[in-house]
Each structure stands twice: as structure tokens, then as C-alpha cells.
Amino acid sequence: MAHARGVICLAAGDAELHIVHYAASEVRRALTGNGRASARQVREMVCRRLGISSSGSDAPRTSGRDEHMYDALALALCHAGRSRETAARR
């Protein structure tokens, strides 16, 4: 993962793109208020914030690769919240 991250950062830098890094605990804390929240707790908060049922027929699947979907959504929600906080401070 570190090699892939390095290549991504290098390519983004070459393209003059801004990259933001978040620690897993920061994402968990932003969503749940607890930096040591479980993956299940993060998944449930992602569903709650997006108005998706965390169980039932409309719930996104939670096995295999689908867990990465929740990670990506959690990162997006964290970043959106941080961006709003930064804009409010200006």
C-alpha cells in the first residue's frame, strides 16, 4: 500500500493536484465521534448520514470488496465536513 500511495502522490504532484491525507482514526472520529470505532459502526453512520438503510433490501452489500465502498464514502463524508469547517473559519 505504501508503494501505491507514493506513486499516487507523485502522479498527483506532477499534475499539480492537491492531496489531503486522513488517518483512519480521524475518519472514524469525524463520523462517529470515536477514533476507535469499529468498521460496523462506521458503516452504520455512513448509511445514517446518507439516508440509506443499514439493513434490508436497499442496504448496500457488506461483504468482500463492498467494504471498500464504505471506506470511500466515509472518507468523502469526512473530507466534506473538514472542507465546510475550513470554509467557515475563513
PDB file of N, CA and C in Angstrom:
ATOM      1  N   MET A   1       0.820  -1.192   0.000  1.00  0.00           N
ATOM      2  CA  MET A   1       0.000   0.000   0.000  1.00  0.00           C
ATOM      3  C   MET A   1       0.860   1.252   0.000  1.00  0.00           C
ATOM      4  N   ALA A   2       1.959   1.240   0.711  1.00  0.00           N
ATOM      5  CA  ALA A   2       2.804   2.433   0.780  1.00  0.00           C
ATOM      6  C   ALA A   2       3.390   2.761  -0.597  1.00  0.00           C
ATOM      7  N   HIS A   3       3.769   1.733  -1.361  1.00  0.00           N
ATOM      8  CA  HIS A   3       4.305   1.972  -2.691  1.00  0.00           C
ATOM      9  C   HIS A   3       3.240   2.594  -3.594  1.00  0.00           C
ATOM     10  N   ALA A   4       2.038   2.047  -3.533  1.00  0.00           N
ATOM     11  CA  ALA A   4       0.946   2.574  -4.355  1.00  0.00           C
ATOM     12  C   ALA A   4       0.638   4.007  -3.960  1.00  0.00           C
ATOM     13  N   ARG A   5       0.603   4.269  -2.660  1.00  0.00           N
ATOM     14  CA  ARG A   5       0.330   5.619  -2.179  1.00  0.00           C
ATOM     15  C   ARG A   5       1.403   6.589  -2.683  1.00  0.00           C
ATOM     16  N   GLY A   6       2.648   6.167  -2.642  1.00  0.00           N
ATOM     17  CA  GLY A   6       3.740   7.008  -3.115  1.00  0.00           C
ATOM     18  C   GLY A   6       3.609   7.353  -4.582  1.00  0.00           C
ATOM     19  N   VAL A   7       3.261   6.370  -5.386  1.00  0.00           N
ATOM     20  CA  VAL A   7       3.090   6.594  -6.826  1.00  0.00           C
ATOM     21  C   VAL A   7       1.920   7.541  -7.070  1.00  0.00           C
ATOM     22  N   ILE A   8       0.841   7.354  -6.347  1.00  0.00           N
ATOM     23  CA  ILE A   8      -0.329   8.223  -6.492  1.00  0.00           C
ATOM     24  C   ILE A   8       0.034   9.662  -6.122  1.00  0.00           C
ATOM     25  N   CYS A   9       0.755   9.836  -5.015  1.00  0.00           N
ATOM     26  CA  CYS A   9       1.163  11.184  -4.586  1.00  0.00           C
ATOM     27  C   CYS A   9       2.100  11.828  -5.610  1.00  0.00           C
ATOM     28  N   LEU A  10       3.001  11.053  -6.159  1.00  0.00           N
ATOM     29  CA  LEU A  10       3.919  11.568  -7.168  1.00  0.00           C
ATOM     30  C   LEU A  10       3.162  12.006  -8.418  1.00  0.00           C
ATOM     31  N   ALA A  11       2.257  11.155  -8.883  1.00  0.00           N
ATOM     32  CA  ALA A  11       1.480  11.480 -10.080  1.00  0.00           C
ATOM     33  C   ALA A  11       0.604  12.708  -9.838  1.00  0.00           C
ATOM     34  N   ALA A  12       0.001  12.798  -8.673  1.00  0.00           N
ATOM     35  CA  ALA A  12      -0.837  13.958  -8.358  1.00  0.00           C
ATOM     36  C   ALA A  12       0.005  15.224  -8.298  1.00  0.00           C
ATOM     37  N   GLY A  13       1.195  15.127  -7.707  1.00  0.00           N
ATOM     38  CA  GLY A  13       2.088  16.280  -7.651  1.00  0.00           C
ATOM     39  C   GLY A  13       2.505  16.745  -9.032  1.00  0.00           C
ATOM     40  N   ASP A  14       2.821  15.789  -9.890  1.00  0.00           N
ATOM     41  CA  ASP A  14       3.181  16.127 -11.272  1.00  0.00           C
ATOM     42  C   ASP A  14       2.032  16.820 -12.000  1.00  0.00           C
ATOM     43  N   ALA A  15       0.808  16.437 -11.649  1.00  0.00           N
ATOM     44  CA  ALA A  15      -0.376  17.034 -12.276  1.00  0.00           C
ATOM     45  C   ALA A  15      -0.855  18.277 -11.519  1.00  0.00           C
ATOM     46  N   GLU A  16      -0.079  18.692 -10.519  1.00  0.00           N
ATOM     47  CA  GLU A  16      -0.407  19.852  -9.687  1.00  0.00           C
ATOM     48  C   GLU A  16      -1.768  19.729  -9.014  1.00  0.00           C
ATOM     49  N   LEU A  17      -2.084  18.519  -8.569  1.00  0.00           N
ATOM     50  CA  LEU A  17      -3.317  18.263  -7.829  1.00  0.00           C
ATOM     51  C   LEU A  17      -3.017  18.291  -6.338  1.00  0.00           C
ATOM     52  N   HIS A  18      -3.955  18.802  -5.576  1.00  0.00           N
ATOM     53  CA  HIS A  18      -3.814  18.862  -4.127  1.00  0.00           C
ATOM     54  C   HIS A  18      -4.308  17.549  -3.526  1.00  0.00           C
ATOM     55  N   ILE A  19      -3.522  16.966  -2.643  1.00  0.00           N
ATOM     56  CA  ILE A  19      -3.898  15.716  -1.974  1.00  0.00           C
ATOM     57  C   ILE A  19      -4.082  15.991  -0.490  1.00  0.00           C
ATOM     58  N   VAL A  20      -5.109  15.409   0.077  1.00  0.00           N
ATOM     59  CA  VAL A  20      -5.360  15.521   1.510  1.00  0.00           C
ATOM     60  C   VAL A  20      -5.256  14.123   2.097  1.00  0.00           C
ATOM     61  N   HIS A  21      -4.529  14.002   3.189  1.00  0.00           N
ATOM     62  CA  HIS A  21      -4.362  12.715   3.857  1.00  0.00           C
ATOM     63  C   HIS A  21      -5.164  12.709   5.160  1.00  0.00           C
ATOM     64  N   TYR A  22      -5.846  11.611   5.427  1.00  0.00           N
ATOM     65  CA  TYR A  22      -6.584  11.441   6.672  1.00  0.00           C
ATOM     66  C   TYR A  22      -6.168  10.125   7.310  1.00  0.00           C
ATOM     67  N   ALA A  23      -5.882  10.157   8.582  1.00  0.00           N
ATOM     68  CA  ALA A  23      -5.628   8.930   9.326  1.00  0.00           C
ATOM     69  C   ALA A  23      -6.966   8.216   9.514  1.00  0.00           C
ATOM     70  N   ALA A  24      -6.923   6.905   9.589  1.00  0.00           N
ATOM     71  CA  ALA A  24      -8.157   6.127   9.782  1.00  0.00           C
ATOM     72  C   ALA A  24      -8.892   6.587  11.045  1.00  0.00           C
ATOM     73  N   SER A  25      -8.147   6.859  12.099  1.00  0.00           N
ATOM     74  CA  SER A  25      -8.789   7.293  13.352  1.00  0.00           C
ATOM     75  C   SER A  25      -9.474   8.644  13.189  1.00  0.00           C
ATOM     76  N   GLU A  26      -8.927   9.515  12.337  1.00  0.00           N
ATOM     77  CA  GLU A  26      -9.547  10.815  12.090  1.00  0.00           C
ATOM     78  C   GLU A  26     -10.873  10.651  11.354  1.00  0.00           C
ATOM     79  N   VAL A  27     -10.910   9.732  10.395  1.00  0.00           N
ATOM     80  CA  VAL A  27     -12.150   9.471   9.654  1.00  0.00           C
ATOM     81  C   VAL A  27     -13.187   8.881  10.597  1.00  0.00           C
ATOM     82  N   ARG A  28     -12.780   7.911  11.395  1.00  0.00           N
ATOM     83  CA  ARG A  28     -13.713   7.296  12.356  1.00  0.00           C
ATOM     84  C   ARG A  28     -14.263   8.334  13.331  1.00  0.00           C
ATOM     85  N   ARG A  29     -13.380   9.200  13.840  1.00  0.00           N
ATOM     86  CA  ARG A  29     -13.794  10.227  14.787  1.00  0.00           C
ATOM     87  C   ARG A  29     -14.754  11.222  14.135  1.00  0.00           C
ATOM     88  N   ALA A  30     -14.478  11.596  12.886  1.00  0.00           N
ATOM     89  CA  ALA A  30     -15.342  12.547  12.183  1.00  0.00           C
ATOM     90  C   ALA A  30     -16.750  11.996  11.989  1.00  0.00           C
ATOM     91  N   LEU A  31     -16.855  10.698  11.768  1.00  0.00           N
ATOM     92  CA  LEU A  31     -18.166  10.107  11.521  1.00  0.00           C
ATOM     93  C   LEU A  31     -18.894   9.680  12.781  1.00  0.00           C
ATOM     94  N   THR A  32     -18.155   9.105  13.725  1.00  0.00           N
ATOM     95  CA  THR A  32     -18.814   8.505  14.884  1.00  0.00           C
ATOM     96  C   THR A  32     -18.544   9.230  16.198  1.00  0.00           C
ATOM     97  N   GLY A  33     -17.540  10.105  16.194  1.00  0.00           N
ATOM     98  CA  GLY A  33     -17.142  10.752  17.438  1.00  0.00           C
ATOM     99  C   GLY A  33     -16.148   9.930  18.230  1.00  0.00           C
ATOM    100  N   ASN A  34     -15.773   8.762  17.695  1.00  0.00           N
ATOM    101  CA  ASN A  34     -14.854   7.853  18.367  1.00  0.00           C
ATOM    102  C   ASN A  34     -13.794   7.400  17.367  1.00  0.00           C
ATOM    103  N   GLY A  35     -12.550   7.755  17.619  1.00  0.00           N
ATOM    104  CA  GLY A  35     -11.470   7.385  16.722  1.00  0.00           C
ATOM    105  C   GLY A  35     -11.158   5.910  16.683  1.00  0.00           C
ATOM    106  N   ARG A  36     -11.736   5.156  17.606  1.00  0.00           N
ATOM    107  CA  ARG A  36     -11.514   3.706  17.634  1.00  0.00           C
ATOM    108  C   ARG A  36     -12.788   2.931  17.309  1.00  0.00           C
ATOM    109  N   ALA A  37     -13.708   3.568  16.605  1.00  0.00           N
ATOM    110  CA  ALA A  37     -14.972   2.926  16.229  1.00  0.00           C
ATOM    111  C   ALA A  37     -14.703   1.727  15.330  1.00  0.00           C
ATOM    112  N   SER A  38     -15.596   0.765  15.406  1.00  0.00           N
ATOM    113  CA  SER A  38     -15.466  -0.430  14.571  1.00  0.00           C
ATOM    114  C   SER A  38     -15.915  -0.134  13.144  1.00  0.00           C
ATOM    115  N   ALA A  39     -15.550  -1.022  12.236  1.00  0.00           N
ATOM    116  CA  ALA A  39     -15.976  -0.886  10.841  1.00  0.00           C
ATOM    117  C   ALA A  39     -17.500  -0.901  10.760  1.00  0.00           C
ATOM    118  N   ARG A  40     -18.142  -1.715  11.577  1.00  0.00           N
ATOM    119  CA  ARG A  40     -19.602  -1.787  11.596  1.00  0.00           C
ATOM    120  C   ARG A  40     -20.201  -0.446  12.009  1.00  0.00           C
ATOM    121  N   GLN A  41     -19.625   0.190  13.027  1.00  0.00           N
ATOM    122  CA  GLN A  41     -20.124   1.489  13.483  1.00  0.00           C
ATOM    123  C   GLN A  41     -19.952   2.555  12.403  1.00  0.00           C
ATOM    124  N   VAL A  42     -18.832   2.531  11.720  1.00  0.00           N
ATOM    125  CA  VAL A  42     -18.593   3.487  10.635  1.00  0.00           C
ATOM    126  C   VAL A  42     -19.599   3.246   9.519  1.00  0.00           C
ATOM    127  N   ARG A  43     -19.788   1.977   9.144  1.00  0.00           N
ATOM    128  CA  ARG A  43     -20.743   1.628   8.089  1.00  0.00           C
ATOM    129  C   ARG A  43     -22.147   2.123   8.452  1.00  0.00           C
ATOM    130  N   GLU A  44     -22.562   1.910   9.687  1.00  0.00           N
ATOM    131  CA  GLU A  44     -23.896   2.345  10.109  1.00  0.00           C
ATOM    132  C   GLU A  44     -24.028   3.867  10.062  1.00  0.00           C
ATOM    133  N   MET A  45     -22.967   4.582  10.436  1.00  0.00           N
ATOM    134  CA  MET A  45     -23.024   6.043  10.400  1.00  0.00           C
ATOM    135  C   MET A  45     -23.033   6.555   8.962  1.00  0.00           C
ATOM    136  N   VAL A  46     -22.281   5.905   8.074  1.00  0.00           N
ATOM    137  CA  VAL A  46     -22.313   6.279   6.659  1.00  0.00           C
ATOM    138  C   VAL A  46     -23.743   6.127   6.140  1.00  0.00           C
ATOM    139  N   CYS A  47     -24.360   5.007   6.439  1.00  0.00           N
ATOM    140  CA  CYS A  47     -25.735   4.772   5.993  1.00  0.00           C
ATOM    141  C   CYS A  47     -26.692   5.801   6.584  1.00  0.00           C
ATOM    142  N   ARG A  48     -26.524   6.108   7.851  1.00  0.00           N
ATOM    143  CA  ARG A  48     -27.393   7.087   8.510  1.00  0.00           C
ATOM    144  C   ARG A  48     -27.242   8.464   7.862  1.00  0.00           C
ATOM    145  N   ARG A  49     -26.004   8.881   7.638  1.00  0.00           N
ATOM    146  CA  ARG A  49     -25.767  10.208   7.067  1.00  0.00           C
ATOM    147  C   ARG A  49     -26.264  10.326   5.631  1.00  0.00           C
ATOM    148  N   LEU A  50     -26.224   9.223   4.900  1.00  0.00           N
ATOM    149  CA  LEU A  50     -26.660   9.248   3.503  1.00  0.00           C
ATOM    150  C   LEU A  50     -28.113   8.830   3.330  1.00  0.00           C
ATOM    151  N   GLY A  51     -28.789   8.522   4.435  1.00  0.00           N
ATOM    152  CA  GLY A  51     -30.192   8.137   4.364  1.00  0.00           C
ATOM    153  C   GLY A  51     -30.423   6.782   3.732  1.00  0.00           C
ATOM    154  N   ILE A  52     -29.454   5.881   3.921  1.00  0.00           N
ATOM    155  CA  ILE A  52     -29.555   4.522   3.382  1.00  0.00           C
ATOM    156  C   ILE A  52     -29.820   3.592   4.552  1.00  0.00           C
ATOM    157  N   SER A  53     -30.708   2.649   4.383  1.00  0.00           N
ATOM    158  CA  SER A  53     -30.953   1.662   5.428  1.00  0.00           C
ATOM    159  C   SER A  53     -29.719   0.779   5.582  1.00  0.00           C
ATOM    160  N   SER A  54     -29.280   0.545   6.828  1.00  0.00           N
ATOM    161  CA  SER A  54     -28.110  -0.321   7.030  1.00  0.00           C
ATOM    162  C   SER A  54     -28.500  -1.792   7.038  1.00  0.00           C
ATOM    163  N   SER A  55     -29.789  -2.057   6.953  1.00  0.00           N
ATOM    164  CA  SER A  55     -30.266  -3.435   6.816  1.00  0.00           C
ATOM    165  C   SER A  55     -31.488  -3.404   5.918  1.00  0.00           C
ATOM    166  N   GLY A  56     -31.784  -4.498   5.320  1.00  0.00           N
ATOM    167  CA  GLY A  56     -32.935  -4.541   4.433  1.00  0.00           C
ATOM    168  C   GLY A  56     -32.523  -4.576   2.978  1.00  0.00           C
ATOM    169  N   SER A  57     -33.493  -4.541   2.109  1.00  0.00           N
ATOM    170  CA  SER A  57     -33.230  -4.742   0.686  1.00  0.00           C
ATOM    171  C   SER A  57     -32.504  -3.569   0.035  1.00  0.00           C
ATOM    172  N   ASP A  58     -32.657  -2.356   0.584  1.00  0.00           N
ATOM    173  CA  ASP A  58     -31.981  -1.219  -0.043  1.00  0.00           C
ATOM    174  C   ASP A  58     -30.573  -0.991   0.502  1.00  0.00           C
ATOM    175  N   ALA A  59     -30.133  -1.819   1.456  1.00  0.00           N
ATOM    176  CA  ALA A  59     -28.798  -1.670   2.037  1.00  0.00           C
ATOM    177  C   ALA A  59     -27.738  -2.165   1.063  1.00  0.00           C
ATOM    178  N   PRO A  60     -26.659  -1.404   0.914  1.00  0.00           N
ATOM    179  CA  PRO A  60     -25.554  -1.903   0.095  1.00  0.00           C
ATOM    180  C   PRO A  60     -24.985  -3.170   0.713  1.00  0.00           C
ATOM    181  N   ARG A  61     -24.485  -4.048  -0.108  1.00  0.00           N
ATOM    182  CA  ARG A  61     -23.909  -5.292   0.397  1.00  0.00           C
ATOM    183  C   ARG A  61     -22.699  -4.996   1.278  1.00  0.00           C
ATOM    184  N   THR A  62     -22.382  -5.912   2.187  1.00  0.00           N
ATOM    185  CA  THR A  62     -21.292  -5.646   3.136  1.00  0.00           C
ATOM    186  C   THR A  62     -20.239  -6.733   3.140  1.00  0.00           C
ATOM    187  N   SER A  63     -20.100  -7.442   2.069  1.00  0.00           N
ATOM    188  CA  SER A  63     -19.083  -8.484   2.057  1.00  0.00           C
ATOM    189  C   SER A  63     -18.023  -8.165   0.998  1.00  0.00           C
ATOM    190  N   GLY A  64     -16.828  -8.684   1.228  1.00  0.00           N
ATOM    191  CA  GLY A  64     -15.763  -8.566   0.235  1.00  0.00           C
ATOM    192  C   GLY A  64     -15.417  -7.140  -0.126  1.00  0.00           C
ATOM    193  N   ARG A  65     -15.371  -6.874  -1.427  1.00  0.00           N
ATOM    194  CA  ARG A  65     -14.977  -5.561  -1.937  1.00  0.00           C
ATOM    195  C   ARG A  65     -15.914  -4.452  -1.505  1.00  0.00           C
ATOM    196  N   ASP A  66     -17.146  -4.797  -1.169  1.00  0.00           N
ATOM    197  CA  ASP A  66     -18.121  -3.774  -0.834  1.00  0.00           C
ATOM    198  C   ASP A  66     -17.744  -2.996   0.422  1.00  0.00           C
ATOM    199  N   GLU A  67     -16.936  -3.576   1.300  1.00  0.00           N
ATOM    200  CA  GLU A  67     -16.468  -2.842   2.470  1.00  0.00           C
ATOM    201  C   GLU A  67     -15.648  -1.632   2.045  1.00  0.00           C
ATOM    202  N   HIS A  68     -14.949  -1.728   0.918  1.00  0.00           N
ATOM    203  CA  HIS A  68     -14.163  -0.602   0.413  1.00  0.00           C
ATOM    204  C   HIS A  68     -15.066   0.563   0.024  1.00  0.00           C
ATOM    205  N   MET A  69     -16.277   0.243  -0.402  1.00  0.00           N
ATOM    206  CA  MET A  69     -17.240   1.290  -0.745  1.00  0.00           C
ATOM    207  C   MET A  69     -17.529   2.141   0.484  1.00  0.00           C
ATOM    208  N   TYR A  70     -17.725   1.491   1.625  1.00  0.00           N
ATOM    209  CA  TYR A  70     -17.995   2.231   2.853  1.00  0.00           C
ATOM    210  C   TYR A  70     -16.786   3.061   3.268  1.00  0.00           C
ATOM    211  N   ASP A  71     -15.598   2.528   3.074  1.00  0.00           N
ATOM    212  CA  ASP A  71     -14.381   3.287   3.374  1.00  0.00           C
ATOM    213  C   ASP A  71     -14.325   4.553   2.515  1.00  0.00           C
ATOM    214  N   ALA A  72     -14.613   4.409   1.236  1.00  0.00           N
ATOM    215  CA  ALA A  72     -14.576   5.550   0.324  1.00  0.00           C
ATOM    216  C   ALA A  72     -15.646   6.581   0.687  1.00  0.00           C
ATOM    217  N   LEU A  73     -16.836   6.111   1.008  1.00  0.00           N
ATOM    218  CA  LEU A  73     -17.906   7.035   1.405  1.00  0.00           C
ATOM    219  C   LEU A  73     -17.569   7.729   2.716  1.00  0.00           C
ATOM    220  N   ALA A  74     -16.969   6.996   3.649  1.00  0.00           N
ATOM    221  CA  ALA A  74     -16.564   7.586   4.925  1.00  0.00           C
ATOM    222  C   ALA A  74     -15.520   8.678   4.699  1.00  0.00           C
ATOM    223  N   LEU A  75     -14.556   8.413   3.829  1.00  0.00           N
ATOM    224  CA  LEU A  75     -13.547   9.423   3.501  1.00  0.00           C
ATOM    225  C   LEU A  75     -14.191  10.658   2.877  1.00  0.00           C
ATOM    226  N   ALA A  76     -15.121  10.443   1.965  1.00  0.00           N
ATOM    227  CA  ALA A  76     -15.790  11.570   1.306  1.00  0.00           C
ATOM    228  C   ALA A  76     -16.570  12.407   2.318  1.00  0.00           C
ATOM    229  N   LEU A  77     -17.281  11.748   3.235  1.00  0.00           N
ATOM    230  CA  LEU A  77     -18.037  12.472   4.256  1.00  0.00           C
ATOM    231  C   LEU A  77     -17.100  13.227   5.191  1.00  0.00           C
ATOM    232  N   CYS A  78     -15.999  12.600   5.568  1.00  0.00           N
ATOM    233  CA  CYS A  78     -15.009  13.249   6.421  1.00  0.00           C
ATOM    234  C   CYS A  78     -14.457  14.482   5.724  1.00  0.00           C
ATOM    235  N   HIS A  79     -14.079  14.337   4.479  1.00  0.00           N
ATOM    236  CA  HIS A  79     -13.495  15.453   3.741  1.00  0.00           C
ATOM    237  C   HIS A  79     -14.511  16.583   3.562  1.00  0.00           C
ATOM    238  N   ALA A  80     -15.743  16.234   3.260  1.00  0.00           N
ATOM    239  CA  ALA A  80     -16.782  17.257   3.090  1.00  0.00           C
ATOM    240  C   ALA A  80     -16.963  18.040   4.394  1.00  0.00           C
ATOM    241  N   GLY A  81     -16.953  17.331   5.502  1.00  0.00           N
ATOM    242  CA  GLY A  81     -17.083  18.004   6.788  1.00  0.00           C
ATOM    243  C   GLY A  81     -15.900  18.901   7.085  1.00  0.00           C
ATOM    244  N   ARG A  82     -14.699  18.427   6.808  1.00  0.00           N
ATOM    245  CA  ARG A  82     -13.488  19.223   7.043  1.00  0.00           C
ATOM    246  C   ARG A  82     -13.466  20.437   6.126  1.00  0.00           C
ATOM    247  N   SER A  83     -13.921  20.269   4.881  1.00  0.00           N
ATOM    248  CA  SER A  83     -13.949  21.397   3.935  1.00  0.00           C
ATOM    249  C   SER A  83     -14.912  22.467   4.406  1.00  0.00           C
ATOM    250  N   ARG A  84     -16.074  22.066   4.936  1.00  0.00           N
ATOM    251  CA  ARG A  84     -17.042  23.028   5.466  1.00  0.00           C
ATOM    252  C   ARG A  84     -16.465  23.756   6.670  1.00  0.00           C
ATOM    253  N   GLU A  85     -15.778  23.019   7.546  1.00  0.00           N
ATOM    254  CA  GLU A  85     -15.153  23.639   8.726  1.00  0.00           C
ATOM    255  C   GLU A  85     -14.113  24.672   8.308  1.00  0.00           C
ATOM    256  N   THR A  86     -13.298  24.333   7.321  1.00  0.00           N
ATOM    257  CA  THR A  86     -12.263  25.242   6.845  1.00  0.00           C
ATOM    258  C   THR A  86     -12.882  26.482   6.227  1.00  0.00           C
ATOM    259  N   ALA A  87     -13.927  26.312   5.431  1.00  0.00           N
ATOM    260  CA  ALA A  87     -14.598  27.452   4.797  1.00  0.00           C
ATOM    261  C   ALA A  87     -15.239  28.347   5.840  1.00  0.00           C
ATOM    262  N   ALA A  88     -15.786  27.754   6.900  1.00  0.00           N
ATOM    263  CA  ALA A  88     -16.446  28.539   7.945  1.00  0.00           C
ATOM    264  C   ALA A  88     -15.446  29.393   8.716  1.00  0.00           C
ATOM    265  N   ARG A  89     -14.207  28.912   8.824  1.00  0.00           N
ATOM    266  CA  ARG A  89     -13.186  29.662   9.541  1.00  0.00           C
ATOM    267  C   ARG A  89     -12.685  30.872   8.761  1.00  0.00           C
ATOM    268  N   ARG A  90     -12.889  30.873   7.453  1.00  0.00           N
ATOM    269  CA  ARG A  90     -12.374  31.966   6.606  1.00  0.00           C
ATOM    270  C   ARG A  90     -13.225  33.188   6.697  1.00  0.00           C
TER     271      ARG A  90
END
